[in-house]
């Protein structure tokens, strides 16, 4: 598992990480501050799209996904006030 958020305290995106393809898991825990965390995917590292509803969180949770190789992944936090979140993808 790669740690994408490590004590995320404001709206914003994690660093992008390359995806090796196949099934994956997202785990997000902490104080969401009323915000939403989404797993996002990009083919070019510039244009991003949400992966699926199973990888969107407003509370502690775990979701799964399946994507082909050679894509970029990141976590996006929006709509929060004073969050403190950790998030992993693997």
N, C-alpha and C. Protein backbone atom coordinates (compact mmCIF):
# COMPACT_ATOMS: atom_id res chain seq x y z
N UNK A 1 0.85 -1.18 0.00
CA UNK A 1 0.00 0.00 0.00
C UNK A 1 0.89 1.24 0.00
N UNK A 2 0.49 2.22 -0.77
CA UNK A 2 1.20 3.50 -0.81
C UNK A 2 0.36 4.52 -0.03
N UNK A 3 1.02 5.29 0.81
CA UNK A 3 0.31 6.30 1.59
C UNK A 3 0.20 7.58 0.75
N UNK A 4 -1.02 7.91 0.33
CA UNK A 4 -1.26 9.08 -0.50
C UNK A 4 -1.51 10.33 0.35
N UNK A 5 -2.27 10.19 1.44
CA UNK A 5 -2.50 11.28 2.39
C UNK A 5 -1.86 10.89 3.72
N UNK A 6 -1.11 11.81 4.29
CA UNK A 6 -0.47 11.59 5.59
C UNK A 6 -0.76 12.80 6.46
N UNK A 7 -1.91 12.76 7.16
CA UNK A 7 -2.31 13.91 7.97
C UNK A 7 -2.74 15.09 7.12
N UNK A 8 -3.51 14.85 6.06
CA UNK A 8 -3.99 15.90 5.16
C UNK A 8 -4.87 16.86 5.94
N UNK A 9 -4.51 18.15 5.97
CA UNK A 9 -5.22 19.12 6.80
C UNK A 9 -5.91 20.22 6.01
N UNK A 10 -6.02 20.07 4.70
CA UNK A 10 -6.70 21.07 3.87
C UNK A 10 -7.16 20.42 2.58
N UNK A 11 -8.14 21.06 1.92
CA UNK A 11 -8.57 20.58 0.62
C UNK A 11 -7.37 20.55 -0.33
N UNK A 12 -7.37 19.58 -1.23
CA UNK A 12 -6.30 19.49 -2.22
C UNK A 12 -6.09 18.05 -2.65
N UNK A 13 -5.07 17.88 -3.48
CA UNK A 13 -4.77 16.58 -4.07
C UNK A 13 -3.49 16.01 -3.49
N UNK A 14 -3.42 14.68 -3.45
CA UNK A 14 -2.17 14.01 -3.10
C UNK A 14 -1.24 14.08 -4.30
N UNK A 15 -0.01 13.67 -4.10
CA UNK A 15 0.88 13.46 -5.24
C UNK A 15 0.29 12.34 -6.09
N UNK A 16 0.60 12.36 -7.38
CA UNK A 16 0.16 11.31 -8.29
C UNK A 16 1.14 10.14 -8.23
N UNK A 17 0.59 8.94 -8.31
CA UNK A 17 1.39 7.72 -8.31
C UNK A 17 1.00 6.87 -9.51
N UNK A 18 1.98 6.22 -10.13
CA UNK A 18 1.70 5.33 -11.25
C UNK A 18 0.98 4.08 -10.79
N UNK A 19 0.05 3.59 -11.62
CA UNK A 19 -0.70 2.38 -11.30
C UNK A 19 -0.20 1.24 -12.16
N UNK A 20 0.04 0.08 -11.55
CA UNK A 20 0.60 -1.09 -12.22
C UNK A 20 -0.47 -1.96 -12.86
N UNK A 21 -1.72 -1.65 -12.65
CA UNK A 21 -2.82 -2.36 -13.27
C UNK A 21 -3.42 -3.43 -12.37
N UNK A 22 -4.69 -3.72 -12.59
CA UNK A 22 -5.38 -4.76 -11.84
C UNK A 22 -6.30 -4.21 -10.77
N UNK A 23 -6.63 -5.09 -9.82
CA UNK A 23 -7.50 -4.72 -8.71
C UNK A 23 -6.73 -3.90 -7.68
N UNK A 24 -7.42 -2.95 -7.06
CA UNK A 24 -6.81 -2.14 -6.02
C UNK A 24 -7.79 -1.84 -4.89
N UNK A 25 -7.24 -1.34 -3.80
CA UNK A 25 -8.01 -1.00 -2.61
C UNK A 25 -7.63 0.42 -2.18
N UNK A 26 -8.63 1.17 -1.74
CA UNK A 26 -8.43 2.51 -1.16
C UNK A 26 -8.91 2.44 0.28
N UNK A 27 -8.10 2.96 1.21
CA UNK A 27 -8.49 3.05 2.61
C UNK A 27 -8.28 4.50 3.04
N UNK A 28 -9.31 5.10 3.63
CA UNK A 28 -9.22 6.49 4.12
C UNK A 28 -9.74 6.52 5.55
N UNK A 29 -8.95 7.15 6.45
CA UNK A 29 -9.35 7.25 7.86
C UNK A 29 -9.00 8.63 8.40
N UNK A 30 -9.73 9.04 9.42
CA UNK A 30 -9.44 10.30 10.10
C UNK A 30 -10.66 11.19 10.21
N UNK A 31 -10.41 12.48 10.38
CA UNK A 31 -11.46 13.49 10.51
C UNK A 31 -11.65 14.13 9.14
N UNK A 32 -12.82 13.94 8.54
CA UNK A 32 -13.09 14.45 7.20
C UNK A 32 -13.47 15.93 7.19
N UNK A 33 -13.79 16.50 8.34
CA UNK A 33 -14.15 17.91 8.40
C UNK A 33 -15.30 18.27 7.47
N UNK A 34 -16.20 17.31 7.23
CA UNK A 34 -17.33 17.56 6.34
C UNK A 34 -16.99 17.41 4.86
N UNK A 35 -15.78 17.03 4.54
CA UNK A 35 -15.34 16.94 3.15
C UNK A 35 -15.54 15.56 2.53
N UNK A 36 -15.16 15.48 1.27
CA UNK A 36 -15.26 14.25 0.49
C UNK A 36 -13.89 13.91 -0.10
N UNK A 37 -13.50 12.65 0.03
CA UNK A 37 -12.27 12.16 -0.59
C UNK A 37 -12.66 11.28 -1.77
N UNK A 38 -12.01 11.51 -2.92
CA UNK A 38 -12.26 10.72 -4.12
C UNK A 38 -10.94 10.20 -4.67
N UNK A 39 -10.95 8.95 -5.12
CA UNK A 39 -9.83 8.44 -5.88
C UNK A 39 -10.02 8.91 -7.32
N UNK A 40 -8.96 9.50 -7.89
CA UNK A 40 -9.03 9.99 -9.25
C UNK A 40 -7.97 9.32 -10.12
N UNK A 41 -8.25 9.25 -11.43
CA UNK A 41 -7.38 8.59 -12.39
C UNK A 41 -7.08 9.54 -13.55
N UNK A 42 -5.88 9.40 -14.11
CA UNK A 42 -5.48 10.21 -15.26
C UNK A 42 -4.62 9.38 -16.20
N UNK A 43 -4.82 9.56 -17.48
CA UNK A 43 -3.97 8.90 -18.48
C UNK A 43 -2.74 9.73 -18.80
N UNK A 44 -2.83 11.06 -18.56
CA UNK A 44 -1.72 11.95 -18.94
C UNK A 44 -1.12 12.74 -17.78
N UNK A 45 -1.65 12.57 -16.56
CA UNK A 45 -1.14 13.29 -15.40
C UNK A 45 -1.62 14.73 -15.31
N UNK A 46 -2.50 15.14 -16.24
CA UNK A 46 -3.01 16.51 -16.27
C UNK A 46 -4.53 16.54 -16.12
N UNK A 47 -5.22 15.69 -16.86
CA UNK A 47 -6.68 15.64 -16.86
C UNK A 47 -7.14 14.48 -15.98
N UNK A 48 -7.97 14.79 -14.98
CA UNK A 48 -8.35 13.81 -13.96
C UNK A 48 -9.83 13.52 -13.98
N UNK A 49 -10.20 12.28 -13.64
CA UNK A 49 -11.60 11.86 -13.52
C UNK A 49 -11.76 11.01 -12.27
N UNK A 50 -12.95 11.07 -11.66
CA UNK A 50 -13.24 10.22 -10.50
C UNK A 50 -13.31 8.76 -10.96
N UNK A 51 -12.82 7.84 -10.11
CA UNK A 51 -12.79 6.43 -10.50
C UNK A 51 -14.18 5.81 -10.44
N UNK A 52 -14.81 5.74 -9.28
CA UNK A 52 -16.16 5.20 -9.15
C UNK A 52 -16.73 5.57 -7.77
N UNK A 53 -18.00 5.32 -7.57
CA UNK A 53 -18.64 5.69 -6.30
C UNK A 53 -18.09 4.89 -5.13
N UNK A 54 -17.57 3.70 -5.39
CA UNK A 54 -17.01 2.87 -4.32
C UNK A 54 -15.71 3.44 -3.77
N UNK A 55 -15.11 4.39 -4.48
CA UNK A 55 -13.85 4.99 -4.04
C UNK A 55 -14.03 6.47 -3.70
N UNK A 56 -15.24 6.82 -3.23
CA UNK A 56 -15.55 8.17 -2.74
C UNK A 56 -16.01 8.04 -1.30
N UNK A 57 -15.48 8.89 -0.42
CA UNK A 57 -15.70 8.72 1.02
C UNK A 57 -16.03 10.05 1.69
N UNK A 58 -16.97 10.00 2.65
CA UNK A 58 -17.25 11.12 3.54
C UNK A 58 -17.03 10.71 4.99
N UNK A 59 -16.61 9.47 5.19
CA UNK A 59 -16.30 8.91 6.51
C UNK A 59 -15.29 7.79 6.30
N UNK A 60 -14.69 7.32 7.39
CA UNK A 60 -13.72 6.23 7.30
C UNK A 60 -14.27 5.11 6.44
N UNK A 61 -13.42 4.58 5.55
CA UNK A 61 -13.92 3.52 4.70
C UNK A 61 -12.85 2.88 3.85
N UNK A 62 -13.30 1.86 3.12
CA UNK A 62 -12.44 1.08 2.24
C UNK A 62 -13.24 0.78 0.98
N UNK A 63 -12.63 0.94 -0.18
CA UNK A 63 -13.31 0.64 -1.43
C UNK A 63 -12.36 -0.03 -2.41
N UNK A 64 -12.93 -0.70 -3.40
CA UNK A 64 -12.12 -1.42 -4.38
C UNK A 64 -12.33 -0.85 -5.78
N UNK A 65 -11.37 -1.14 -6.66
CA UNK A 65 -11.44 -0.71 -8.04
C UNK A 65 -10.61 -1.65 -8.90
N UNK A 66 -10.80 -1.57 -10.21
CA UNK A 66 -9.98 -2.31 -11.16
C UNK A 66 -9.67 -1.38 -12.34
N UNK A 67 -8.39 -1.19 -12.62
CA UNK A 67 -7.95 -0.31 -13.70
C UNK A 67 -6.80 -0.93 -14.47
N UNK A 68 -6.66 -0.61 -15.75
CA UNK A 68 -5.51 -1.10 -16.49
C UNK A 68 -4.22 -0.41 -16.06
N UNK A 69 -3.11 -0.93 -16.53
CA UNK A 69 -1.79 -0.37 -16.18
C UNK A 69 -1.54 0.95 -16.90
N UNK A 70 -0.46 1.61 -16.48
CA UNK A 70 0.05 2.84 -17.11
C UNK A 70 -0.88 4.03 -16.96
N UNK A 71 -1.54 4.11 -15.81
CA UNK A 71 -2.36 5.26 -15.46
C UNK A 71 -1.79 5.91 -14.21
N UNK A 72 -2.22 7.12 -13.94
CA UNK A 72 -1.84 7.83 -12.71
C UNK A 72 -3.03 7.86 -11.77
N UNK A 73 -2.78 7.72 -10.46
CA UNK A 73 -3.81 7.80 -9.44
C UNK A 73 -3.45 8.88 -8.42
N UNK A 74 -4.47 9.50 -7.84
CA UNK A 74 -4.28 10.43 -6.73
C UNK A 74 -5.55 10.44 -5.90
N UNK A 75 -5.46 10.96 -4.68
CA UNK A 75 -6.63 11.22 -3.85
C UNK A 75 -6.91 12.71 -3.89
N UNK A 76 -8.19 13.06 -3.91
CA UNK A 76 -8.63 14.46 -3.92
C UNK A 76 -9.56 14.69 -2.74
N UNK A 77 -9.26 15.72 -1.94
CA UNK A 77 -10.12 16.12 -0.82
C UNK A 77 -10.74 17.47 -1.16
N UNK A 78 -12.08 17.56 -1.03
CA UNK A 78 -12.77 18.83 -1.29
C UNK A 78 -13.90 19.03 -0.30
N UNK A 79 -14.26 20.31 -0.08
CA UNK A 79 -15.40 20.65 0.77
C UNK A 79 -15.19 20.47 2.26
N UNK A 80 -13.93 20.44 2.69
CA UNK A 80 -13.65 20.17 4.11
C UNK A 80 -13.34 21.43 4.90
N UNK A 81 -13.51 21.33 6.22
CA UNK A 81 -13.10 22.36 7.16
C UNK A 81 -12.30 21.68 8.27
N UNK A 82 -11.03 22.01 8.39
CA UNK A 82 -10.14 21.44 9.42
C UNK A 82 -10.09 19.92 9.42
N UNK A 83 -9.84 19.30 8.26
CA UNK A 83 -9.71 17.84 8.23
C UNK A 83 -8.36 17.38 8.79
N UNK A 84 -8.24 16.10 9.02
CA UNK A 84 -6.97 15.46 9.40
C UNK A 84 -7.08 14.01 8.94
N UNK A 85 -6.63 13.75 7.71
CA UNK A 85 -6.88 12.46 7.06
C UNK A 85 -5.62 11.73 6.65
N UNK A 86 -5.73 10.41 6.67
CA UNK A 86 -4.71 9.54 6.10
C UNK A 86 -5.41 8.71 5.02
N UNK A 87 -4.68 8.42 3.94
CA UNK A 87 -5.26 7.63 2.86
C UNK A 87 -4.20 6.77 2.18
N UNK A 88 -4.57 5.52 1.89
CA UNK A 88 -3.67 4.56 1.26
C UNK A 88 -4.33 3.98 0.03
N UNK A 89 -3.49 3.64 -0.96
CA UNK A 89 -3.96 2.96 -2.16
C UNK A 89 -2.98 1.83 -2.46
N UNK A 90 -3.49 0.68 -2.82
CA UNK A 90 -2.60 -0.43 -3.16
C UNK A 90 -3.35 -1.59 -3.74
